[in-house]
Each structure stands twice: as structure tokens, then as C-alpha cells.
Amino acid sequence: MKDRLDLWTGAAEITEGKILRAVGKNGKVSGGSLSTTAVWKIVLHYAHRAGIERLTPHDLRRTCAKLRRRSGGDLEQIQFLLGHSSIQTTERYLGGEQDIVNAVNDRIFARVKKFQSSSD
């Protein structure tokens, strides 16, 4: 992904500031960031092209965070990525998911000790 961004920023001659920038109706690129409305329109446009009826920028944000965590991402780095002020907010945001394939209890080897009664 970084290689692709480097190619794009090189072609666009972007050396500093925001990567995704607003483009005016006259086609001129501004130094400002995209508006919330512009982000929504872009997400909806590509979601519809992909055959996805309902998708929001927040869905993408949540999915990114969960994929980072699932792939071993550090909780504090995900907190930083999301801009949360507390780690507890990030933990709640990520939620918990049961991993049936790699269930934690499958790694427990319990031994059952046979107890002898006093009458034996």
C-alpha cells in the first residue's frame, strides 16, 4: 500500500501536507482536506461499484481497526490510529469476538485426579 501511495504522491507532486485533498469544481487541487460529505460520496460510489448496498466510512474505520488487531497489532498503536484518548475506549470499540477455530480452551490440558474415599 505504501508503494502505491508513494507512486501516487510522486505523480501528484505532493511532498507535504494532506495526502487526500479537495478538488474544486474548476479542477484545481487545494491544500485543504476532503470534507465529510466528499468522503461519504467516495465511499458510497465505490461501495456501489463493488455491489455493496450499505457501507459507511465508519464501517471502513472499524474494519481497519479489527483487522489490525486480528493480525497482531498492538492495542496502543490501534488506539493511536483511531485517535482515542483512552485504551478502554479502543477495547470497547474493537469488541470481543469468539475464535472458535483457535479456542483458548483447546489449549488447556486438564487432568482429572481420582479421589479416593476414606472407605477405600
PDB file of N, CA and C in Angstrom:
ATOM      1  N   MET A   1       0.830  -1.181   0.000  1.00  0.00           N
ATOM      2  CA  MET A   1       0.000   0.000   0.000  1.00  0.00           C
ATOM      3  C   MET A   1       0.881   1.252   0.000  1.00  0.00           C
ATOM      4  N   LYS A   2       1.928   1.225   0.802  1.00  0.00           N
ATOM      5  CA  LYS A   2       2.800   2.393   0.862  1.00  0.00           C
ATOM      6  C   LYS A   2       3.447   2.665  -0.486  1.00  0.00           C
ATOM      7  N   ASP A   3       3.859   1.599  -1.183  1.00  0.00           N
ATOM      8  CA  ASP A   3       4.458   1.786  -2.505  1.00  0.00           C
ATOM      9  C   ASP A   3       3.490   2.480  -3.456  1.00  0.00           C
ATOM     10  N   ARG A   4       2.224   2.059  -3.394  1.00  0.00           N
ATOM     11  CA  ARG A   4       1.202   2.680  -4.258  1.00  0.00           C
ATOM     12  C   ARG A   4       1.003   4.154  -3.900  1.00  0.00           C
ATOM     13  N   LEU A   5       0.960   4.440  -2.586  1.00  0.00           N
ATOM     14  CA  LEU A   5       0.799   5.838  -2.158  1.00  0.00           C
ATOM     15  C   LEU A   5       1.995   6.676  -2.591  1.00  0.00           C
ATOM     16  N   ASP A   6       3.193   6.098  -2.485  1.00  0.00           N
ATOM     17  CA  ASP A   6       4.390   6.830  -2.913  1.00  0.00           C
ATOM     18  C   ASP A   6       4.339   7.137  -4.405  1.00  0.00           C
ATOM     19  N   LEU A   7       3.889   6.180  -5.205  1.00  0.00           N
ATOM     20  CA  LEU A   7       3.749   6.423  -6.650  1.00  0.00           C
ATOM     21  C   LEU A   7       2.751   7.541  -6.928  1.00  0.00           C
ATOM     22  N   TRP A   8       1.615   7.470  -6.199  1.00  0.00           N
ATOM     23  CA  TRP A   8       0.561   8.455  -6.417  1.00  0.00           C
ATOM     24  C   TRP A   8       0.994   9.845  -5.968  1.00  0.00           C
ATOM     25  N   THR A   9       1.597   9.946  -4.780  1.00  0.00           N
ATOM     26  CA  THR A   9       2.015  11.268  -4.296  1.00  0.00           C
ATOM     27  C   THR A   9       3.133  11.835  -5.173  1.00  0.00           C
ATOM     28  N   GLY A  10       3.974  10.964  -5.711  1.00  0.00           N
ATOM     29  CA  GLY A  10       5.014  11.424  -6.637  1.00  0.00           C
ATOM     30  C   GLY A  10       4.414  11.985  -7.911  1.00  0.00           C
ATOM     31  N   ALA A  11       3.451  11.254  -8.481  1.00  0.00           N
ATOM     32  CA  ALA A  11       2.794  11.705  -9.709  1.00  0.00           C
ATOM     33  C   ALA A  11       2.011  12.991  -9.476  1.00  0.00           C
ATOM     34  N   ALA A  12       1.432  13.129  -8.290  1.00  0.00           N
ATOM     35  CA  ALA A  12       0.644  14.322  -7.963  1.00  0.00           C
ATOM     36  C   ALA A  12       1.525  15.459  -7.434  1.00  0.00           C
ATOM     37  N   GLU A  13       2.827  15.177  -7.317  1.00  0.00           N
ATOM     38  CA  GLU A  13       3.792  16.146  -6.799  1.00  0.00           C
ATOM     39  C   GLU A  13       3.431  16.647  -5.408  1.00  0.00           C
ATOM     40  N   ILE A  14       2.959  15.713  -4.574  1.00  0.00           N
ATOM     41  CA  ILE A  14       2.643  16.038  -3.184  1.00  0.00           C
ATOM     42  C   ILE A  14       3.851  15.659  -2.334  1.00  0.00           C
ATOM     43  N   THR A  15       4.469  16.648  -1.723  1.00  0.00           N
ATOM     44  CA  THR A  15       5.656  16.406  -0.907  1.00  0.00           C
ATOM     45  C   THR A  15       5.418  16.681   0.573  1.00  0.00           C
ATOM     46  N   GLU A  16       4.304  17.331   0.882  1.00  0.00           N
ATOM     47  CA  GLU A  16       3.985  17.628   2.285  1.00  0.00           C
ATOM     48  C   GLU A  16       2.499  17.900   2.419  1.00  0.00           C
ATOM     49  N   GLY A  17       2.046  17.899   3.643  1.00  0.00           N
ATOM     50  CA  GLY A  17       0.635  18.189   3.917  1.00  0.00           C
ATOM     51  C   GLY A  17      -0.253  16.969   3.756  1.00  0.00           C
ATOM     52  N   LYS A  18      -1.517  17.228   3.546  1.00  0.00           N
ATOM     53  CA  LYS A  18      -2.526  16.173   3.419  1.00  0.00           C
ATOM     54  C   LYS A  18      -2.304  15.356   2.156  1.00  0.00           C
ATOM     55  N   ILE A  19      -2.556  14.062   2.259  1.00  0.00           N
ATOM     56  CA  ILE A  19      -2.435  13.200   1.083  1.00  0.00           C
ATOM     57  C   ILE A  19      -3.695  13.309   0.232  1.00  0.00           C
ATOM     58  N   LEU A  20      -4.841  13.182   0.868  1.00  0.00           N
ATOM     59  CA  LEU A  20      -6.120  13.289   0.159  1.00  0.00           C
ATOM     60  C   LEU A  20      -6.586  14.732   0.263  1.00  0.00           C
ATOM     61  N   ARG A  21      -6.701  15.384  -0.860  1.00  0.00           N
ATOM     62  CA  ARG A  21      -7.020  16.808  -0.863  1.00  0.00           C
ATOM     63  C   ARG A  21      -8.283  17.089  -1.661  1.00  0.00           C
ATOM     64  N   ALA A  22      -8.904  18.171  -1.320  1.00  0.00           N
ATOM     65  CA  ALA A  22     -10.118  18.590  -2.023  1.00  0.00           C
ATOM     66  C   ALA A  22      -9.755  19.112  -3.410  1.00  0.00           C
ATOM     67  N   VAL A  23     -10.667  18.881  -4.347  1.00  0.00           N
ATOM     68  CA  VAL A  23     -10.513  19.391  -5.708  1.00  0.00           C
ATOM     69  C   VAL A  23     -11.728  20.270  -5.992  1.00  0.00           C
ATOM     70  N   GLY A  24     -11.469  21.500  -6.389  1.00  0.00           N
ATOM     71  CA  GLY A  24     -12.559  22.428  -6.671  1.00  0.00           C
ATOM     72  C   GLY A  24     -13.267  22.079  -7.973  1.00  0.00           C
ATOM     73  N   LYS A  25     -14.408  22.716  -8.205  1.00  0.00           N
ATOM     74  CA  LYS A  25     -15.183  22.468  -9.429  1.00  0.00           C
ATOM     75  C   LYS A  25     -14.392  22.832 -10.683  1.00  0.00           C
ATOM     76  N   ASN A  26     -13.417  23.710 -10.539  1.00  0.00           N
ATOM     77  CA  ASN A  26     -12.581  24.102 -11.671  1.00  0.00           C
ATOM     78  C   ASN A  26     -11.436  23.106 -11.902  1.00  0.00           C
ATOM     79  N   GLY A  27     -11.368  22.049 -11.066  1.00  0.00           N
ATOM     80  CA  GLY A  27     -10.331  21.029 -11.209  1.00  0.00           C
ATOM     81  C   GLY A  27      -9.044  21.351 -10.472  1.00  0.00           C
ATOM     82  N   LYS A  28      -9.010  22.488  -9.783  1.00  0.00           N
ATOM     83  CA  LYS A  28      -7.807  22.894  -9.067  1.00  0.00           C
ATOM     84  C   LYS A  28      -7.740  22.184  -7.707  1.00  0.00           C
ATOM     85  N   VAL A  29      -6.572  21.607  -7.434  1.00  0.00           N
ATOM     86  CA  VAL A  29      -6.365  20.907  -6.166  1.00  0.00           C
ATOM     87  C   VAL A  29      -6.043  21.937  -5.096  1.00  0.00           C
ATOM     88  N   SER A  30      -6.738  21.823  -3.969  1.00  0.00           N
ATOM     89  CA  SER A  30      -6.475  22.747  -2.864  1.00  0.00           C
ATOM     90  C   SER A  30      -5.600  22.056  -1.829  1.00  0.00           C
ATOM     91  N   GLY A  31      -5.100  22.820  -0.901  1.00  0.00           N
ATOM     92  CA  GLY A  31      -4.278  22.262   0.177  1.00  0.00           C
ATOM     93  C   GLY A  31      -5.117  21.725   1.310  1.00  0.00           C
ATOM     94  N   GLY A  32      -6.424  21.985   1.254  1.00  0.00           N
ATOM     95  CA  GLY A  32      -7.308  21.554   2.330  1.00  0.00           C
ATOM     96  C   GLY A  32      -7.658  20.080   2.239  1.00  0.00           C
ATOM     97  N   SER A  33      -8.173  19.553   3.319  1.00  0.00           N
ATOM     98  CA  SER A  33      -8.555  18.144   3.332  1.00  0.00           C
ATOM     99  C   SER A  33      -9.958  17.977   2.755  1.00  0.00           C
ATOM    100  N   LEU A  34     -10.310  16.725   2.508  1.00  0.00           N
ATOM    101  CA  LEU A  34     -11.640  16.421   1.979  1.00  0.00           C
ATOM    102  C   LEU A  34     -12.702  16.696   3.034  1.00  0.00           C
ATOM    103  N   SER A  35     -13.844  17.125   2.581  1.00  0.00           N
ATOM    104  CA  SER A  35     -14.959  17.344   3.505  1.00  0.00           C
ATOM    105  C   SER A  35     -15.575  16.000   3.878  1.00  0.00           C
ATOM    106  N   THR A  36     -16.335  15.992   4.946  1.00  0.00           N
ATOM    107  CA  THR A  36     -17.035  14.779   5.370  1.00  0.00           C
ATOM    108  C   THR A  36     -17.963  14.291   4.263  1.00  0.00           C
ATOM    109  N   THR A  37     -18.636  15.212   3.622  1.00  0.00           N
ATOM    110  CA  THR A  37     -19.546  14.861   2.532  1.00  0.00           C
ATOM    111  C   THR A  37     -18.796  14.207   1.375  1.00  0.00           C
ATOM    112  N   ALA A  38     -17.634  14.738   1.052  1.00  0.00           N
ATOM    113  CA  ALA A  38     -16.837  14.169  -0.040  1.00  0.00           C
ATOM    114  C   ALA A  38     -16.415  12.741   0.285  1.00  0.00           C
ATOM    115  N   VAL A  39     -16.006  12.502   1.519  1.00  0.00           N
ATOM    116  CA  VAL A  39     -15.603  11.147   1.926  1.00  0.00           C
ATOM    117  C   VAL A  39     -16.790  10.196   1.796  1.00  0.00           C
ATOM    118  N   TRP A  40     -17.958  10.619   2.277  1.00  0.00           N
ATOM    119  CA  TRP A  40     -19.170   9.793   2.167  1.00  0.00           C
ATOM    120  C   TRP A  40     -19.467   9.453   0.709  1.00  0.00           C
ATOM    121  N   LYS A  41     -19.389  10.449  -0.167  1.00  0.00           N
ATOM    122  CA  LYS A  41     -19.695  10.232  -1.586  1.00  0.00           C
ATOM    123  C   LYS A  41     -18.713   9.252  -2.225  1.00  0.00           C
ATOM    124  N   ILE A  42     -17.444   9.373  -1.885  1.00  0.00           N
ATOM    125  CA  ILE A  42     -16.425   8.476  -2.433  1.00  0.00           C
ATOM    126  C   ILE A  42     -16.673   7.042  -1.965  1.00  0.00           C
ATOM    127  N   VAL A  43     -16.924   6.873  -0.663  1.00  0.00           N
ATOM    128  CA  VAL A  43     -17.183   5.532  -0.114  1.00  0.00           C
ATOM    129  C   VAL A  43     -18.422   4.922  -0.760  1.00  0.00           C
ATOM    130  N   LEU A  44     -19.494   5.698  -0.856  1.00  0.00           N
ATOM    131  CA  LEU A  44     -20.731   5.181  -1.461  1.00  0.00           C
ATOM    132  C   LEU A  44     -20.531   4.822  -2.932  1.00  0.00           C
ATOM    133  N   HIS A  45     -19.802   5.659  -3.650  1.00  0.00           N
ATOM    134  CA  HIS A  45     -19.552   5.408  -5.072  1.00  0.00           C
ATOM    135  C   HIS A  45     -18.856   4.056  -5.265  1.00  0.00           C
ATOM    136  N   TYR A  46     -17.763   3.842  -4.533  1.00  0.00           N
ATOM    137  CA  TYR A  46     -17.003   2.597  -4.717  1.00  0.00           C
ATOM    138  C   TYR A  46     -17.704   1.398  -4.093  1.00  0.00           C
ATOM    139  N   ALA A  47     -18.485   1.615  -3.051  1.00  0.00           N
ATOM    140  CA  ALA A  47     -19.276   0.514  -2.480  1.00  0.00           C
ATOM    141  C   ALA A  47     -20.299   0.033  -3.505  1.00  0.00           C
ATOM    142  N   HIS A  48     -20.987   0.950  -4.134  1.00  0.00           N
ATOM    143  CA  HIS A  48     -21.979   0.573  -5.152  1.00  0.00           C
ATOM    144  C   HIS A  48     -21.319  -0.130  -6.333  1.00  0.00           C
ATOM    145  N   ARG A  49     -20.140   0.346  -6.737  1.00  0.00           N
ATOM    146  CA  ARG A  49     -19.418  -0.316  -7.836  1.00  0.00           C
ATOM    147  C   ARG A  49     -19.036  -1.742  -7.470  1.00  0.00           C
ATOM    148  N   ALA A  50     -18.798  -1.973  -6.164  1.00  0.00           N
ATOM    149  CA  ALA A  50     -18.428  -3.306  -5.692  1.00  0.00           C
ATOM    150  C   ALA A  50     -19.650  -4.163  -5.361  1.00  0.00           C
ATOM    151  N   GLY A  51     -20.849  -3.586  -5.543  1.00  0.00           N
ATOM    152  CA  GLY A  51     -22.070  -4.334  -5.272  1.00  0.00           C
ATOM    153  C   GLY A  51     -22.478  -4.342  -3.803  1.00  0.00           C
ATOM    154  N   ILE A  52     -21.951  -3.404  -3.038  1.00  0.00           N
ATOM    155  CA  ILE A  52     -22.284  -3.305  -1.611  1.00  0.00           C
ATOM    156  C   ILE A  52     -23.308  -2.192  -1.444  1.00  0.00           C
ATOM    157  N   GLU A  53     -24.487  -2.551  -0.932  1.00  0.00           N
ATOM    158  CA  GLU A  53     -25.560  -1.555  -0.823  1.00  0.00           C
ATOM    159  C   GLU A  53     -25.331  -0.538   0.285  1.00  0.00           C
ATOM    160  N   ARG A  54     -24.978  -1.023   1.456  1.00  0.00           N
ATOM    161  CA  ARG A  54     -24.818  -0.110   2.590  1.00  0.00           C
ATOM    162  C   ARG A  54     -23.412  -0.223   3.169  1.00  0.00           C
ATOM    163  N   LEU A  55     -22.656   0.842   3.060  1.00  0.00           N
ATOM    164  CA  LEU A  55     -21.302   0.902   3.607  1.00  0.00           C
ATOM    165  C   LEU A  55     -21.023   2.347   3.975  1.00  0.00           C
ATOM    166  N   THR A  56     -20.481   2.563   5.149  1.00  0.00           N
ATOM    167  CA  THR A  56     -20.167   3.918   5.603  1.00  0.00           C
ATOM    168  C   THR A  56     -18.670   4.043   5.865  1.00  0.00           C
ATOM    169  N   PRO A  57     -18.164   5.259   5.899  1.00  0.00           N
ATOM    170  CA  PRO A  57     -16.757   5.440   6.272  1.00  0.00           C
ATOM    171  C   PRO A  57     -16.451   4.833   7.643  1.00  0.00           C
ATOM    172  N   HIS A  58     -17.410   4.877   8.549  1.00  0.00           N
ATOM    173  CA  HIS A  58     -17.191   4.307   9.876  1.00  0.00           C
ATOM    174  C   HIS A  58     -17.048   2.787   9.808  1.00  0.00           C
ATOM    175  N   ASP A  59     -17.775   2.149   8.892  1.00  0.00           N
ATOM    176  CA  ASP A  59     -17.606   0.703   8.704  1.00  0.00           C
ATOM    177  C   ASP A  59     -16.166   0.390   8.296  1.00  0.00           C
ATOM    178  N   LEU A  60     -15.613   1.213   7.426  1.00  0.00           N
ATOM    179  CA  LEU A  60     -14.240   1.012   6.984  1.00  0.00           C
ATOM    180  C   LEU A  60     -13.255   1.244   8.124  1.00  0.00           C
ATOM    181  N   ARG A  61     -13.530   2.242   8.937  1.00  0.00           N
ATOM    182  CA  ARG A  61     -12.672   2.551  10.087  1.00  0.00           C
ATOM    183  C   ARG A  61     -12.658   1.387  11.072  1.00  0.00           C
ATOM    184  N   ARG A  62     -13.837   0.877  11.385  1.00  0.00           N
ATOM    185  CA  ARG A  62     -13.955  -0.235  12.331  1.00  0.00           C
ATOM    186  C   ARG A  62     -13.295  -1.494  11.782  1.00  0.00           C
ATOM    187  N   THR A  63     -13.525  -1.762  10.495  1.00  0.00           N
ATOM    188  CA  THR A  63     -12.931  -2.940   9.871  1.00  0.00           C
ATOM    189  C   THR A  63     -11.409  -2.852   9.879  1.00  0.00           C
ATOM    190  N   CYS A  64     -10.875  -1.689   9.558  1.00  0.00           N
ATOM    191  CA  CYS A  64      -9.427  -1.493   9.582  1.00  0.00           C
ATOM    192  C   CYS A  64      -8.874  -1.788  10.969  1.00  0.00           C
ATOM    193  N   ALA A  65      -9.507  -1.243  11.999  1.00  0.00           N
ATOM    194  CA  ALA A  65      -9.038  -1.445  13.370  1.00  0.00           C
ATOM    195  C   ALA A  65      -9.098  -2.927  13.769  1.00  0.00           C
ATOM    196  N   LYS A  66     -10.188  -3.597  13.434  1.00  0.00           N
ATOM    197  CA  LYS A  66     -10.330  -5.011  13.795  1.00  0.00           C
ATOM    198  C   LYS A  66      -9.337  -5.891  13.042  1.00  0.00           C
ATOM    199  N   LEU A  67      -9.086  -5.585  11.778  1.00  0.00           N
ATOM    200  CA  LEU A  67      -8.107  -6.357  11.017  1.00  0.00           C
ATOM    201  C   LEU A  67      -6.698  -6.146  11.565  1.00  0.00           C
ATOM    202  N   ARG A  68      -6.395  -4.922  11.961  1.00  0.00           N
ATOM    203  CA  ARG A  68      -5.081  -4.639  12.570  1.00  0.00           C
ATOM    204  C   ARG A  68      -4.911  -5.451  13.846  1.00  0.00           C
ATOM    205  N   ARG A  69      -5.942  -5.489  14.664  1.00  0.00           N
ATOM    206  CA  ARG A  69      -5.873  -6.233  15.931  1.00  0.00           C
ATOM    207  C   ARG A  69      -5.749  -7.726  15.671  1.00  0.00           C
ATOM    208  N   ARG A  70      -6.552  -8.244  14.739  1.00  0.00           N
ATOM    209  CA  ARG A  70      -6.545  -9.670  14.427  1.00  0.00           C
ATOM    210  C   ARG A  70      -5.193 -10.119  13.880  1.00  0.00           C
ATOM    211  N   SER A  71      -4.497  -9.224  13.192  1.00  0.00           N
ATOM    212  CA  SER A  71      -3.201  -9.583  12.623  1.00  0.00           C
ATOM    213  C   SER A  71      -2.055  -9.343  13.606  1.00  0.00           C
ATOM    214  N   GLY A  72      -2.411  -9.088  14.871  1.00  0.00           N
ATOM    215  CA  GLY A  72      -1.388  -8.952  15.910  1.00  0.00           C
ATOM    216  C   GLY A  72      -1.013  -7.523  16.228  1.00  0.00           C
ATOM    217  N   GLY A  73      -1.776  -6.570  15.736  1.00  0.00           N
ATOM    218  CA  GLY A  73      -1.485  -5.159  16.004  1.00  0.00           C
ATOM    219  C   GLY A  73      -1.567  -4.832  17.481  1.00  0.00           C
ATOM    220  N   ASP A  74      -0.641  -4.016  17.934  1.00  0.00           N
ATOM    221  CA  ASP A  74      -0.590  -3.593  19.327  1.00  0.00           C
ATOM    222  C   ASP A  74      -1.781  -2.692  19.642  1.00  0.00           C
ATOM    223  N   LEU A  75      -2.426  -2.945  20.767  1.00  0.00           N
ATOM    224  CA  LEU A  75      -3.618  -2.199  21.163  1.00  0.00           C
ATOM    225  C   LEU A  75      -3.342  -0.699  21.265  1.00  0.00           C
ATOM    226  N   GLU A  76      -2.174  -0.331  21.786  1.00  0.00           N
ATOM    227  CA  GLU A  76      -1.844   1.091  21.917  1.00  0.00           C
ATOM    228  C   GLU A  76      -1.653   1.756  20.551  1.00  0.00           C
ATOM    229  N   GLN A  77      -1.113   1.026  19.580  1.00  0.00           N
ATOM    230  CA  GLN A  77      -0.951   1.583  18.242  1.00  0.00           C
ATOM    231  C   GLN A  77      -2.308   1.765  17.569  1.00  0.00           C
ATOM    232  N   ILE A  78      -3.219   0.830  17.810  1.00  0.00           N
ATOM    233  CA  ILE A  78      -4.570   0.954  17.259  1.00  0.00           C
ATOM    234  C   ILE A  78      -5.280   2.129  17.909  1.00  0.00           C
ATOM    235  N   GLN A  79      -5.074   2.318  19.204  1.00  0.00           N
ATOM    236  CA  GLN A  79      -5.630   3.476  19.906  1.00  0.00           C
ATOM    237  C   GLN A  79      -5.137   4.764  19.249  1.00  0.00           C
ATOM    238  N   PHE A  80      -3.851   4.818  18.955  1.00  0.00           N
ATOM    239  CA  PHE A  80      -3.258   5.993  18.307  1.00  0.00           C
ATOM    240  C   PHE A  80      -3.857   6.200  16.910  1.00  0.00           C
ATOM    241  N   LEU A  81      -3.987   5.113  16.158  1.00  0.00           N
ATOM    242  CA  LEU A  81      -4.562   5.166  14.813  1.00  0.00           C
ATOM    243  C   LEU A  81      -5.980   5.738  14.835  1.00  0.00           C
ATOM    244  N   LEU A  82      -6.769   5.294  15.812  1.00  0.00           N
ATOM    245  CA  LEU A  82      -8.167   5.726  15.898  1.00  0.00           C
ATOM    246  C   LEU A  82      -8.332   7.093  16.553  1.00  0.00           C
ATOM    247  N   GLY A  83      -7.306   7.543  17.254  1.00  0.00           N
ATOM    248  CA  GLY A  83      -7.386   8.836  17.926  1.00  0.00           C
ATOM    249  C   GLY A  83      -8.158   8.798  19.231  1.00  0.00           C
ATOM    250  N   HIS A  84      -8.248   7.614  19.832  1.00  0.00           N
ATOM    251  CA  HIS A  84      -8.948   7.501  21.120  1.00  0.00           C
ATOM    252  C   HIS A  84      -8.061   8.018  22.243  1.00  0.00           C
ATOM    253  N   SER A  85      -8.670   8.696  23.209  1.00  0.00           N
ATOM    254  CA  SER A  85      -7.889   9.219  24.326  1.00  0.00           C
ATOM    255  C   SER A  85      -7.626   8.153  25.387  1.00  0.00           C
ATOM    256  N   SER A  86      -8.447   7.108  25.433  1.00  0.00           N
ATOM    257  CA  SER A  86      -8.209   6.064  26.425  1.00  0.00           C
ATOM    258  C   SER A  86      -8.177   4.686  25.766  1.00  0.00           C
ATOM    259  N   ILE A  87      -7.379   3.822  26.336  1.00  0.00           N
ATOM    260  CA  ILE A  87      -7.251   2.457  25.830  1.00  0.00           C
ATOM    261  C   ILE A  87      -8.554   1.686  26.029  1.00  0.00           C
ATOM    262  N   GLN A  88      -9.314   2.058  27.073  1.00  0.00           N
ATOM    263  CA  GLN A  88     -10.599   1.399  27.329  1.00  0.00           C
ATOM    264  C   GLN A  88     -11.584   1.667  26.193  1.00  0.00           C
ATOM    265  N   THR A  89     -11.551   2.864  25.641  1.00  0.00           N
ATOM    266  CA  THR A  89     -12.421   3.189  24.509  1.00  0.00           C
ATOM    267  C   THR A  89     -12.072   2.303  23.322  1.00  0.00           C
ATOM    268  N   THR A  90     -10.791   2.120  23.073  1.00  0.00           N
ATOM    269  CA  THR A  90     -10.343   1.275  21.963  1.00  0.00           C
ATOM    270  C   THR A  90     -10.767  -0.168  22.193  1.00  0.00           C
ATOM    271  N   GLU A  91     -10.632  -0.656  23.422  1.00  0.00           N
ATOM    272  CA  GLU A  91     -11.043  -2.033  23.737  1.00  0.00           C
ATOM    273  C   GLU A  91     -12.533  -2.220  23.490  1.00  0.00           C
ATOM    274  N   ARG A  92     -13.352  -1.253  23.923  1.00  0.00           N
ATOM    275  CA  ARG A  92     -14.797  -1.340  23.685  1.00  0.00           C
ATOM    276  C   ARG A  92     -15.108  -1.260  22.192  1.00  0.00           C
ATOM    277  N   TYR A  93     -14.392  -0.392  21.499  1.00  0.00           N
ATOM    278  CA  TYR A  93     -14.601  -0.193  20.067  1.00  0.00           C
ATOM    279  C   TYR A  93     -14.327  -1.481  19.293  1.00  0.00           C
ATOM    280  N   LEU A  94     -13.261  -2.174  19.653  1.00  0.00           N
ATOM    281  CA  LEU A  94     -12.901  -3.411  18.969  1.00  0.00           C
ATOM    282  C   LEU A  94     -13.835  -4.549  19.335  1.00  0.00           C
ATOM    283  N   GLY A  95     -14.378  -4.494  20.547  1.00  0.00           N
ATOM    284  CA  GLY A  95     -15.289  -5.547  20.979  1.00  0.00           C
ATOM    285  C   GLY A  95     -14.571  -6.874  21.120  1.00  0.00           C
ATOM    286  N   GLY A  96     -15.298  -7.859  21.475  1.00  0.00           N
ATOM    287  CA  GLY A  96     -14.731  -9.192  21.603  1.00  0.00           C
ATOM    288  C   GLY A  96     -15.373 -10.123  20.612  1.00  0.00           C
ATOM    289  N   GLU A  97     -14.578 -10.990  20.058  1.00  0.00           N
ATOM    290  CA  GLU A  97     -15.095 -11.975  19.123  1.00  0.00           C
ATOM    291  C   GLU A  97     -14.577 -13.339  19.533  1.00  0.00           C
ATOM    292  N   GLN A  98     -15.455 -14.286  19.552  1.00  0.00           N
ATOM    293  CA  GLN A  98     -15.062 -15.632  19.913  1.00  0.00           C
ATOM    294  C   GLN A  98     -14.385 -16.293  18.719  1.00  0.00           C
ATOM    295  N   ASP A  99     -13.205 -16.849  18.959  1.00  0.00           N
ATOM    296  CA  ASP A  99     -12.462 -17.539  17.912  1.00  0.00           C
ATOM    297  C   ASP A  99     -12.674 -19.033  18.088  1.00  0.00           C
ATOM    298  N   ILE A 100     -13.623 -19.572  17.355  1.00  0.00           N
ATOM    299  CA  ILE A 100     -13.975 -20.987  17.505  1.00  0.00           C
ATOM    300  C   ILE A 100     -12.875 -21.881  16.937  1.00  0.00           C
ATOM    301  N   VAL A 101     -12.214 -21.445  15.891  1.00  0.00           N
ATOM    302  CA  VAL A 101     -11.162 -22.253  15.268  1.00  0.00           C
ATOM    303  C   VAL A 101      -9.974 -22.426  16.200  1.00  0.00           C
ATOM    304  N   ASN A 102      -9.592 -21.347  16.875  1.00  0.00           N
ATOM    305  CA  ASN A 102      -8.447 -21.384  17.788  1.00  0.00           C
ATOM    306  C   ASN A 102      -8.902 -21.080  19.212  1.00  0.00           C
ATOM    307  N   ALA A 103      -9.872 -21.828  19.677  1.00  0.00           N
ATOM    308  CA  ALA A 103     -10.436 -21.575  21.003  1.00  0.00           C
ATOM    309  C   ALA A 103      -9.376 -21.757  22.087  1.00  0.00           C
ATOM    310  N   VAL A 104      -9.361 -20.823  23.016  1.00  0.00           N
ATOM    311  CA  VAL A 104      -8.365 -20.846  24.085  1.00  0.00           C
ATOM    312  C   VAL A 104      -8.473 -22.116  24.935  1.00  0.00           C
ATOM    313  N   ASN A 105      -9.679 -22.603  25.122  1.00  0.00           N
ATOM    314  CA  ASN A 105      -9.855 -23.808  25.945  1.00  0.00           C
ATOM    315  C   ASN A 105      -9.288 -25.055  25.287  1.00  0.00           C
ATOM    316  N   ASP A 106      -9.082 -25.033  23.986  1.00  0.00           N
ATOM    317  CA  ASP A 106      -8.498 -26.182  23.299  1.00  0.00           C
ATOM    318  C   ASP A 106      -7.044 -26.396  23.696  1.00  0.00           C
ATOM    319  N   ARG A 107      -6.417 -25.375  24.260  1.00  0.00           N
ATOM    320  CA  ARG A 107      -5.012 -25.488  24.644  1.00  0.00           C
ATOM    321  C   ARG A 107      -4.833 -25.864  26.115  1.00  0.00           C
ATOM    322  N   ILE A 108      -5.928 -26.100  26.790  1.00  0.00           N
ATOM    323  CA  ILE A 108      -5.856 -26.481  28.205  1.00  0.00           C
ATOM    324  C   ILE A 108      -5.919 -28.000  28.300  1.00  0.00           C
ATOM    325  N   PHE A 109      -4.934 -28.553  28.958  1.00  0.00           N
ATOM    326  CA  PHE A 109      -4.921 -29.993  29.172  1.00  0.00           C
ATOM    327  C   PHE A 109      -5.139 -30.233  30.657  1.00  0.00           C
ATOM    328  N   ALA A 110      -6.359 -30.502  30.989  1.00  0.00           N
ATOM    329  CA  ALA A 110      -6.706 -30.697  32.398  1.00  0.00           C
ATOM    330  C   ALA A 110      -6.630 -32.181  32.741  1.00  0.00           C
ATOM    331  N   ARG A 111      -6.127 -32.444  33.898  1.00  0.00           N
ATOM    332  CA  ARG A 111      -6.085 -33.812  34.392  1.00  0.00           C
ATOM    333  C   ARG A 111      -7.114 -33.929  35.501  1.00  0.00           C
ATOM    334  N   VAL A 112      -7.813 -34.999  35.453  1.00  0.00           N
ATOM    335  CA  VAL A 112      -8.792 -35.247  36.486  1.00  0.00           C
ATOM    336  C   VAL A 112      -8.156 -36.211  37.470  1.00  0.00           C
ATOM    337  N   LYS A 113      -8.046 -35.763  38.681  1.00  0.00           N
ATOM    338  CA  LYS A 113      -7.422 -36.574  39.718  1.00  0.00           C
ATOM    339  C   LYS A 113      -8.505 -37.426  40.372  1.00  0.00           C
ATOM    340  N   LYS A 114      -8.235 -38.669  40.422  1.00  0.00           N
ATOM    341  CA  LYS A 114      -9.205 -39.576  41.046  1.00  0.00           C
ATOM    342  C   LYS A 114      -9.020 -39.486  42.551  1.00  0.00           C
ATOM    343  N   PHE A 115     -10.085 -39.100  43.197  1.00  0.00           N
ATOM    344  CA  PHE A 115     -10.050 -39.003  44.642  1.00  0.00           C
ATOM    345  C   PHE A 115     -10.488 -40.319  45.254  1.00  0.00           C
ATOM    346  N   GLN A 116      -9.759 -40.738  46.240  1.00  0.00           N
ATOM    347  CA  GLN A 116     -10.132 -41.971  46.931  1.00  0.00           C
ATOM    348  C   GLN A 116     -10.937 -41.605  48.160  1.00  0.00           C
ATOM    349  N   SER A 117     -11.962 -42.347  48.366  1.00  0.00           N
ATOM    350  CA  SER A 117     -12.759 -42.085  49.556  1.00  0.00           C
ATOM    351  C   SER A 117     -12.054 -42.697  50.766  1.00  0.00           C
ATOM    352  N   SER A 118     -12.417 -42.282  51.930  1.00  0.00           N
ATOM    353  CA  SER A 118     -11.781 -42.780  53.152  1.00  0.00           C
ATOM    354  C   SER A 118     -12.129 -44.227  53.407  1.00  0.00           C
ATOM    355  N   SER A 119     -13.165 -44.720  52.770  1.00  0.00           N
ATOM    356  CA  SER A 119     -13.566 -46.123  52.988  1.00  0.00           C
ATOM    357  C   SER A 119     -12.739 -47.079  52.135  1.00  0.00           C
ATOM    358  N   ASP A 120     -11.944 -46.580  51.152  1.00  0.00           N
ATOM    359  CA  ASP A 120     -11.132 -47.457  50.290  1.00  0.00           C
ATOM    360  C   ASP A 120      -9.959 -48.027  50.998  1.00  0.00           C
TER     361      ASP A 120
END
